[in-house]
């Protein structure tokens, strides 16, 4: 029988994996749009959003997996604020 914390971690990871699946489909779409060409052109904002999604996922997983939020903040690279 699974403990309550294992079930919660599973749900947590499942919710975050949905974001990664959407990101994967987006990148697949971009590759398909560039079919027939060896080069793929991606918008800078798209790449920044992909990186942000990956960083949030890995940071959250570190915290849930036993790491501390303070350690995750220290290991993060500097963040530049974006003005939209």
PDB file of N, CA and C in Angstrom:
ATOM      1  N   UNK A   1       0.832  -1.177   0.000  1.00  0.00           N
ATOM      2  CA  UNK A   1       0.000   0.000   0.000  1.00  0.00           C
ATOM      3  C   UNK A   1       0.879   1.244   0.000  1.00  0.00           C
ATOM      4  N   UNK A   2       0.540   2.216  -0.835  1.00  0.00           N
ATOM      5  CA  UNK A   2       1.339   3.424  -0.926  1.00  0.00           C
ATOM      6  C   UNK A   2       1.011   4.358   0.220  1.00  0.00           C
ATOM      7  N   UNK A   3       2.030   5.066   0.680  1.00  0.00           N
ATOM      8  CA  UNK A   3       1.779   6.045   1.728  1.00  0.00           C
ATOM      9  C   UNK A   3       1.172   7.299   1.121  1.00  0.00           C
ATOM     10  N   UNK A   4       0.614   8.136   1.989  1.00  0.00           N
ATOM     11  CA  UNK A   4      -0.061   9.353   1.527  1.00  0.00           C
ATOM     12  C   UNK A   4       0.905  10.270   0.781  1.00  0.00           C
ATOM     13  N   UNK A   5       2.151  10.387   1.252  1.00  0.00           N
ATOM     14  CA  UNK A   5       3.122  11.274   0.601  1.00  0.00           C
ATOM     15  C   UNK A   5       3.485  10.780  -0.797  1.00  0.00           C
ATOM     16  N   UNK A   6       3.557   9.458  -1.011  1.00  0.00           N
ATOM     17  CA  UNK A   6       3.866   8.924  -2.335  1.00  0.00           C
ATOM     18  C   UNK A   6       2.751   9.234  -3.319  1.00  0.00           C
ATOM     19  N   UNK A   7       1.515   9.147  -2.875  1.00  0.00           N
ATOM     20  CA  UNK A   7       0.378   9.454  -3.735  1.00  0.00           C
ATOM     21  C   UNK A   7       0.412  10.931  -4.103  1.00  0.00           C
ATOM     22  N   UNK A   8       0.687  11.787  -3.149  1.00  0.00           N
ATOM     23  CA  UNK A   8       0.741  13.217  -3.411  1.00  0.00           C
ATOM     24  C   UNK A   8       1.871  13.558  -4.377  1.00  0.00           C
ATOM     25  N   UNK A   9       3.000  12.921  -4.243  1.00  0.00           N
ATOM     26  CA  UNK A   9       4.119  13.170  -5.152  1.00  0.00           C
ATOM     27  C   UNK A   9       3.741  12.719  -6.558  1.00  0.00           C
ATOM     28  N   UNK A  10       3.067  11.592  -6.663  1.00  0.00           N
ATOM     29  CA  UNK A  10       2.632  11.113  -7.972  1.00  0.00           C
ATOM     30  C   UNK A  10       1.691  12.087  -8.648  1.00  0.00           C
ATOM     31  N   UNK A  11       0.735  12.622  -7.903  1.00  0.00           N
ATOM     32  CA  UNK A  11      -0.196  13.603  -8.463  1.00  0.00           C
ATOM     33  C   UNK A  11       0.546  14.876  -8.850  1.00  0.00           C
ATOM     34  N   UNK A  12       1.477  15.285  -7.996  1.00  0.00           N
ATOM     35  CA  UNK A  12       2.264  16.495  -8.257  1.00  0.00           C
ATOM     36  C   UNK A  12       3.039  16.358  -9.564  1.00  0.00           C
ATOM     37  N   UNK A  13       3.737  15.261  -9.720  1.00  0.00           N
ATOM     38  CA  UNK A  13       4.525  15.034 -10.931  1.00  0.00           C
ATOM     39  C   UNK A  13       3.606  14.916 -12.141  1.00  0.00           C
ATOM     40  N   UNK A  14       2.470  14.258 -11.992  1.00  0.00           N
ATOM     41  CA  UNK A  14       1.516  14.129 -13.088  1.00  0.00           C
ATOM     42  C   UNK A  14       1.039  15.477 -13.595  1.00  0.00           C
ATOM     43  N   UNK A  15       0.738  16.378 -12.680  1.00  0.00           N
ATOM     44  CA  UNK A  15       0.293  17.721 -13.079  1.00  0.00           C
ATOM     45  C   UNK A  15       1.398  18.457 -13.815  1.00  0.00           C
ATOM     46  N   UNK A  16       2.626  18.322 -13.342  1.00  0.00           N
ATOM     47  CA  UNK A  16       3.738  19.012 -13.993  1.00  0.00           C
ATOM     48  C   UNK A  16       4.098  18.377 -15.334  1.00  0.00           C
ATOM     49  N   UNK A  17       3.939  17.077 -15.431  1.00  0.00           N
ATOM     50  CA  UNK A  17       4.237  16.410 -16.703  1.00  0.00           C
ATOM     51  C   UNK A  17       3.311  16.874 -17.808  1.00  0.00           C
ATOM     52  N   UNK A  18       2.100  17.270 -17.469  1.00  0.00           N
ATOM     53  CA  UNK A  18       1.180  17.760 -18.494  1.00  0.00           C
ATOM     54  C   UNK A  18       1.741  19.013 -19.161  1.00  0.00           C
ATOM     55  N   UNK A  19       2.405  19.859 -18.404  1.00  0.00           N
ATOM     56  CA  UNK A  19       3.031  21.050 -18.983  1.00  0.00           C
ATOM     57  C   UNK A  19       4.159  20.661 -19.941  1.00  0.00           C
ATOM     58  N   UNK A  20       4.927  19.656 -19.552  1.00  0.00           N
ATOM     59  CA  UNK A  20       6.018  19.205 -20.419  1.00  0.00           C
ATOM     60  C   UNK A  20       5.482  18.551 -21.689  1.00  0.00           C
ATOM     61  N   UNK A  21       4.358  17.852 -21.593  1.00  0.00           N
ATOM     62  CA  UNK A  21       3.759  17.231 -22.777  1.00  0.00           C
ATOM     63  C   UNK A  21       3.297  18.302 -23.765  1.00  0.00           C
ATOM     64  N   UNK A  22       2.711  19.369 -23.259  1.00  0.00           N
ATOM     65  CA  UNK A  22       2.293  20.472 -24.130  1.00  0.00           C
ATOM     66  C   UNK A  22       3.510  21.095 -24.807  1.00  0.00           C
ATOM     67  N   UNK A  23       4.564  21.280 -24.051  1.00  0.00           N
ATOM     68  CA  UNK A  23       5.784  21.851 -24.602  1.00  0.00           C
ATOM     69  C   UNK A  23       6.373  20.930 -25.680  1.00  0.00           C
ATOM     70  N   UNK A  24       6.324  19.630 -25.453  1.00  0.00           N
ATOM     71  CA  UNK A  24       6.823  18.666 -26.431  1.00  0.00           C
ATOM     72  C   UNK A  24       6.027  18.754 -27.727  1.00  0.00           C
ATOM     73  N   UNK A  25       4.711  18.830 -27.601  1.00  0.00           N
ATOM     74  CA  UNK A  25       3.860  18.938 -28.798  1.00  0.00           C
ATOM     75  C   UNK A  25       4.136  20.225 -29.560  1.00  0.00           C
ATOM     76  N   UNK A  26       4.383  21.304 -28.842  1.00  0.00           N
ATOM     77  CA  UNK A  26       4.710  22.581 -29.477  1.00  0.00           C
ATOM     78  C   UNK A  26       6.002  22.472 -30.283  1.00  0.00           C
ATOM     79  N   UNK A  27       7.025  21.872 -29.691  1.00  0.00           N
ATOM     80  CA  UNK A  27       8.301  21.722 -30.400  1.00  0.00           C
ATOM     81  C   UNK A  27       8.152  20.777 -31.592  1.00  0.00           C
ATOM     82  N   UNK A  28       7.349  19.729 -31.449  1.00  0.00           N
ATOM     83  CA  UNK A  28       7.097  18.840 -32.582  1.00  0.00           C
ATOM     84  C   UNK A  28       6.408  19.595 -33.713  1.00  0.00           C
ATOM     85  N   UNK A  29       5.481  20.457 -33.370  1.00  0.00           N
ATOM     86  CA  UNK A  29       4.789  21.272 -34.370  1.00  0.00           C
ATOM     87  C   UNK A  29       5.778  22.176 -35.109  1.00  0.00           C
ATOM     88  N   UNK A  30       6.688  22.786 -34.371  1.00  0.00           N
ATOM     89  CA  UNK A  30       7.684  23.658 -34.990  1.00  0.00           C
ATOM     90  C   UNK A  30       8.585  22.873 -35.942  1.00  0.00           C
ATOM     91  N   UNK A  31       8.960  21.661 -35.555  1.00  0.00           N
ATOM     92  CA  UNK A  31       9.768  20.812 -36.440  1.00  0.00           C
ATOM     93  C   UNK A  31       8.993  20.438 -37.698  1.00  0.00           C
ATOM     94  N   UNK A  32       7.715  20.126 -37.523  1.00  0.00           N
ATOM     95  CA  UNK A  32       6.882  19.753 -38.669  1.00  0.00           C
ATOM     96  C   UNK A  32       6.714  20.946 -39.611  1.00  0.00           C
ATOM     97  N   UNK A  33       6.589  22.145 -39.059  1.00  0.00           N
ATOM     98  CA  UNK A  33       6.425  23.352 -39.879  1.00  0.00           C
ATOM     99  C   UNK A  33       7.679  23.628 -40.710  1.00  0.00           C
ATOM    100  N   UNK A  34       8.832  23.193 -40.209  1.00  0.00           N
ATOM    101  CA  UNK A  34      10.091  23.409 -40.920  1.00  0.00           C
ATOM    102  C   UNK A  34      10.482  22.195 -41.753  1.00  0.00           C
ATOM    103  N   UNK A  35       9.539  21.307 -41.999  1.00  0.00           N
ATOM    104  CA  UNK A  35       9.821  20.085 -42.746  1.00  0.00           C
ATOM    105  C   UNK A  35      10.403  20.442 -44.123  1.00  0.00           C
ATOM    106  N   UNK A  36      11.412  19.700 -44.516  1.00  0.00           N
ATOM    107  CA  UNK A  36      12.055  19.948 -45.789  1.00  0.00           C
ATOM    108  C   UNK A  36      13.241  20.896 -45.679  1.00  0.00           C
ATOM    109  N   UNK A  37      13.433  21.440 -44.505  1.00  0.00           N
ATOM    110  CA  UNK A  37      14.549  22.356 -44.276  1.00  0.00           C
ATOM    111  C   UNK A  37      15.418  21.797 -43.159  1.00  0.00           C
ATOM    112  N   UNK A  38      16.714  22.009 -43.261  1.00  0.00           N
ATOM    113  CA  UNK A  38      17.620  21.548 -42.213  1.00  0.00           C
ATOM    114  C   UNK A  38      17.652  22.513 -41.037  1.00  0.00           C
ATOM    115  N   UNK A  39      17.126  23.706 -41.226  1.00  0.00           N
ATOM    116  CA  UNK A  39      17.128  24.712 -40.168  1.00  0.00           C
ATOM    117  C   UNK A  39      15.725  24.902 -39.609  1.00  0.00           C
ATOM    118  N   UNK A  40      15.675  25.121 -38.302  1.00  0.00           N
ATOM    119  CA  UNK A  40      14.418  25.415 -37.628  1.00  0.00           C
ATOM    120  C   UNK A  40      14.580  26.777 -36.972  1.00  0.00           C
ATOM    121  N   UNK A  41      13.653  27.656 -37.250  1.00  0.00           N
ATOM    122  CA  UNK A  41      13.701  28.994 -36.670  1.00  0.00           C
ATOM    123  C   UNK A  41      12.656  29.080 -35.574  1.00  0.00           C
ATOM    124  N   UNK A  42      13.132  29.420 -34.366  1.00  0.00           N
ATOM    125  CA  UNK A  42      12.237  29.560 -33.230  1.00  0.00           C
ATOM    126  C   UNK A  42      12.323  30.981 -32.692  1.00  0.00           C
ATOM    127  N   UNK A  43      11.195  31.489 -32.277  1.00  0.00           N
ATOM    128  CA  UNK A  43      11.121  32.804 -31.679  1.00  0.00           C
ATOM    129  C   UNK A  43      11.856  32.799 -30.342  1.00  0.00           C
ATOM    130  N   UNK A  44      12.574  33.856 -30.051  1.00  0.00           N
ATOM    131  CA  UNK A  44      13.333  33.956 -28.801  1.00  0.00           C
ATOM    132  C   UNK A  44      12.412  33.796 -27.588  1.00  0.00           C
ATOM    133  N   UNK A  45      11.232  34.393 -27.660  1.00  0.00           N
ATOM    134  CA  UNK A  45      10.281  34.306 -26.551  1.00  0.00           C
ATOM    135  C   UNK A  45       9.847  32.864 -26.321  1.00  0.00           C
ATOM    136  N   UNK A  46       9.681  32.103 -27.385  1.00  0.00           N
ATOM    137  CA  UNK A  46       9.311  30.694 -27.267  1.00  0.00           C
ATOM    138  C   UNK A  46      10.396  29.914 -26.530  1.00  0.00           C
ATOM    139  N   UNK A  47      11.634  30.129 -26.906  1.00  0.00           N
ATOM    140  CA  UNK A  47      12.751  29.440 -26.243  1.00  0.00           C
ATOM    141  C   UNK A  47      12.829  29.829 -24.772  1.00  0.00           C
ATOM    142  N   UNK A  48      12.632  31.107 -24.462  1.00  0.00           N
ATOM    143  CA  UNK A  48      12.664  31.553 -23.065  1.00  0.00           C
ATOM    144  C   UNK A  48      11.554  30.875 -22.259  1.00  0.00           C
ATOM    145  N   UNK A  49      10.371  30.745 -22.851  1.00  0.00           N
ATOM    146  CA  UNK A  49       9.257  30.089 -22.163  1.00  0.00           C
ATOM    147  C   UNK A  49       9.524  28.596 -21.955  1.00  0.00           C
ATOM    148  N   UNK A  50      10.124  27.956 -22.933  1.00  0.00           N
ATOM    149  CA  UNK A  50      10.478  26.539 -22.793  1.00  0.00           C
ATOM    150  C   UNK A  50      11.476  26.369 -21.645  1.00  0.00           C
ATOM    151  N   UNK A  51      12.489  27.210 -21.603  1.00  0.00           N
ATOM    152  CA  UNK A  51      13.481  27.132 -20.527  1.00  0.00           C
ATOM    153  C   UNK A  51      12.854  27.409 -19.167  1.00  0.00           C
ATOM    154  N   UNK A  52      11.978  28.392 -19.094  1.00  0.00           N
ATOM    155  CA  UNK A  52      11.292  28.692 -17.831  1.00  0.00           C
ATOM    156  C   UNK A  52      10.490  27.492 -17.345  1.00  0.00           C
ATOM    157  N   UNK A  53       9.779  26.843 -18.256  1.00  0.00           N
ATOM    158  CA  UNK A  53       8.975  25.677 -17.898  1.00  0.00           C
ATOM    159  C   UNK A  53       9.844  24.553 -17.363  1.00  0.00           C
ATOM    160  N   UNK A  54      10.961  24.298 -18.030  1.00  0.00           N
ATOM    161  CA  UNK A  54      11.874  23.251 -17.575  1.00  0.00           C
ATOM    162  C   UNK A  54      12.488  23.582 -16.218  1.00  0.00           C
ATOM    163  N   UNK A  55      12.872  24.837 -16.012  1.00  0.00           N
ATOM    164  CA  UNK A  55      13.461  25.235 -14.729  1.00  0.00           C
ATOM    165  C   UNK A  55      12.454  25.124 -13.593  1.00  0.00           C
ATOM    166  N   UNK A  56      11.217  25.536 -13.827  1.00  0.00           N
ATOM    167  CA  UNK A  56      10.183  25.426 -12.799  1.00  0.00           C
ATOM    168  C   UNK A  56       9.949  23.962 -12.450  1.00  0.00           C
ATOM    169  N   UNK A  57       9.869  23.110 -13.462  1.00  0.00           N
ATOM    170  CA  UNK A  57       9.644  21.688 -13.235  1.00  0.00           C
ATOM    171  C   UNK A  57      10.776  21.078 -12.412  1.00  0.00           C
ATOM    172  N   UNK A  58      12.016  21.328 -12.813  1.00  0.00           N
ATOM    173  CA  UNK A  58      13.142  20.727 -12.098  1.00  0.00           C
ATOM    174  C   UNK A  58      13.266  21.283 -10.684  1.00  0.00           C
ATOM    175  N   UNK A  59      13.041  22.580 -10.504  1.00  0.00           N
ATOM    176  CA  UNK A  59      13.113  23.163  -9.161  1.00  0.00           C
ATOM    177  C   UNK A  59      12.038  22.583  -8.252  1.00  0.00           C
ATOM    178  N   UNK A  60      10.815  22.483  -8.755  1.00  0.00           N
ATOM    179  CA  UNK A  60       9.725  21.930  -7.957  1.00  0.00           C
ATOM    180  C   UNK A  60       9.977  20.470  -7.613  1.00  0.00           C
ATOM    181  N   UNK A  61      10.508  19.711  -8.543  1.00  0.00           N
ATOM    182  CA  UNK A  61      10.805  18.298  -8.282  1.00  0.00           C
ATOM    183  C   UNK A  61      11.904  18.147  -7.245  1.00  0.00           C
ATOM    184  N   UNK A  62      12.888  19.031  -7.265  1.00  0.00           N
ATOM    185  CA  UNK A  62      13.944  18.984  -6.256  1.00  0.00           C
ATOM    186  C   UNK A  62      13.376  19.232  -4.871  1.00  0.00           C
ATOM    187  N   UNK A  63      12.467  20.188  -4.762  1.00  0.00           N
ATOM    188  CA  UNK A  63      11.875  20.511  -3.467  1.00  0.00           C
ATOM    189  C   UNK A  63      11.029  19.351  -2.962  1.00  0.00           C
ATOM    190  N   UNK A  64      10.195  18.773  -3.828  1.00  0.00           N
ATOM    191  CA  UNK A  64       9.330  17.662  -3.431  1.00  0.00           C
ATOM    192  C   UNK A  64      10.159  16.418  -3.149  1.00  0.00           C
ATOM    193  N   UNK A  65      11.250  16.242  -3.891  1.00  0.00           N
ATOM    194  CA  UNK A  65      12.083  15.055  -3.741  1.00  0.00           C
ATOM    195  C   UNK A  65      12.976  15.074  -2.522  1.00  0.00           C
ATOM    196  N   UNK A  66      12.843  16.070  -1.674  1.00  0.00           N
ATOM    197  CA  UNK A  66      13.628  16.075  -0.448  1.00  0.00           C
ATOM    198  C   UNK A  66      14.590  17.228  -0.345  1.00  0.00           C
ATOM    199  N   UNK A  67      14.767  17.968  -1.414  1.00  0.00           N
ATOM    200  CA  UNK A  67      15.625  19.143  -1.350  1.00  0.00           C
ATOM    201  C   UNK A  67      14.887  20.267  -0.674  1.00  0.00           C
ATOM    202  N   UNK A  68      15.596  21.301  -0.363  1.00  0.00           N
ATOM    203  CA  UNK A  68      14.932  22.443   0.270  1.00  0.00           C
ATOM    204  C   UNK A  68      14.751  23.549  -0.744  1.00  0.00           C
ATOM    205  N   UNK A  69      13.787  24.399  -0.496  1.00  0.00           N
ATOM    206  CA  UNK A  69      13.538  25.533  -1.381  1.00  0.00           C
ATOM    207  C   UNK A  69      14.736  26.487  -1.365  1.00  0.00           C
ATOM    208  N   UNK A  70      15.389  26.606  -0.222  1.00  0.00           N
ATOM    209  CA  UNK A  70      16.559  27.489  -0.127  1.00  0.00           C
ATOM    210  C   UNK A  70      17.679  26.984  -1.025  1.00  0.00           C
ATOM    211  N   UNK A  71      17.915  25.674  -1.044  1.00  0.00           N
ATOM    212  CA  UNK A  71      18.955  25.106  -1.897  1.00  0.00           C
ATOM    213  C   UNK A  71      18.627  25.324  -3.366  1.00  0.00           C
ATOM    214  N   UNK A  72      17.362  25.182  -3.722  1.00  0.00           N
ATOM    215  CA  UNK A  72      16.945  25.384  -5.111  1.00  0.00           C
ATOM    216  C   UNK A  72      17.163  26.829  -5.522  1.00  0.00           C
ATOM    217  N   UNK A  73      16.917  27.771  -4.607  1.00  0.00           N
ATOM    218  CA  UNK A  73      17.111  29.187  -4.926  1.00  0.00           C
ATOM    219  C   UNK A  73      18.593  29.500  -5.106  1.00  0.00           C
ATOM    220  N   UNK A  74      19.444  28.909  -4.279  1.00  0.00           N
ATOM    221  CA  UNK A  74      20.883  29.169  -4.365  1.00  0.00           C
ATOM    222  C   UNK A  74      21.452  28.630  -5.671  1.00  0.00           C
ATOM    223  N   UNK A  75      20.978  27.450  -6.106  1.00  0.00           N
ATOM    224  CA  UNK A  75      21.509  26.831  -7.305  1.00  0.00           C
ATOM    225  C   UNK A  75      20.983  27.463  -8.589  1.00  0.00           C
ATOM    226  N   UNK A  76      19.916  28.277  -8.489  1.00  0.00           N
ATOM    227  CA  UNK A  76      19.358  28.892  -9.677  1.00  0.00           C
ATOM    228  C   UNK A  76      20.309  29.931 -10.236  1.00  0.00           C
ATOM    229  N   UNK A  77      20.344  30.031 -11.550  1.00  0.00           N
ATOM    230  CA  UNK A  77      21.133  31.066 -12.170  1.00  0.00           C
ATOM    231  C   UNK A  77      20.369  32.380 -12.077  1.00  0.00           C
ATOM    232  N   UNK A  78      21.037  33.501 -12.212  1.00  0.00           N
ATOM    233  CA  UNK A  78      20.358  34.796 -12.108  1.00  0.00           C
ATOM    234  C   UNK A  78      19.227  34.919 -13.120  1.00  0.00           C
ATOM    235  N   UNK A  79      18.164  35.559 -12.696  1.00  0.00           N
ATOM    236  CA  UNK A  79      16.996  35.722 -13.550  1.00  0.00           C
ATOM    237  C   UNK A  79      16.887  37.185 -13.963  1.00  0.00           C
ATOM    238  N   UNK A  80      16.650  37.401 -15.238  1.00  0.00           N
ATOM    239  CA  UNK A  80      16.479  38.741 -15.763  1.00  0.00           C
ATOM    240  C   UNK A  80      14.992  38.968 -15.957  1.00  0.00           C
ATOM    241  N   UNK A  81      14.490  40.057 -15.405  1.00  0.00           N
ATOM    242  CA  UNK A  81      13.064  40.362 -15.549  1.00  0.00           C
ATOM    243  C   UNK A  81      12.771  40.756 -16.992  1.00  0.00           C
ATOM    244  N   UNK A  82      11.654  40.260 -17.488  1.00  0.00           N
ATOM    245  CA  UNK A  82      11.237  40.585 -18.851  1.00  0.00           C
ATOM    246  C   UNK A  82      10.083  41.537 -18.813  1.00  0.00           C
ATOM    247  N   UNK A  83      10.133  42.543 -19.645  1.00  0.00           N
ATOM    248  CA  UNK A  83       9.025  43.484 -19.772  1.00  0.00           C
ATOM    249  C   UNK A  83       8.268  43.151 -21.034  1.00  0.00           C
ATOM    250  N   UNK A  84       7.000  42.861 -20.899  1.00  0.00           N
ATOM    251  CA  UNK A  84       6.188  42.495 -22.061  1.00  0.00           C
ATOM    252  C   UNK A  84       5.414  43.679 -22.559  1.00  0.00           C
TER     253      UNK A  84
END
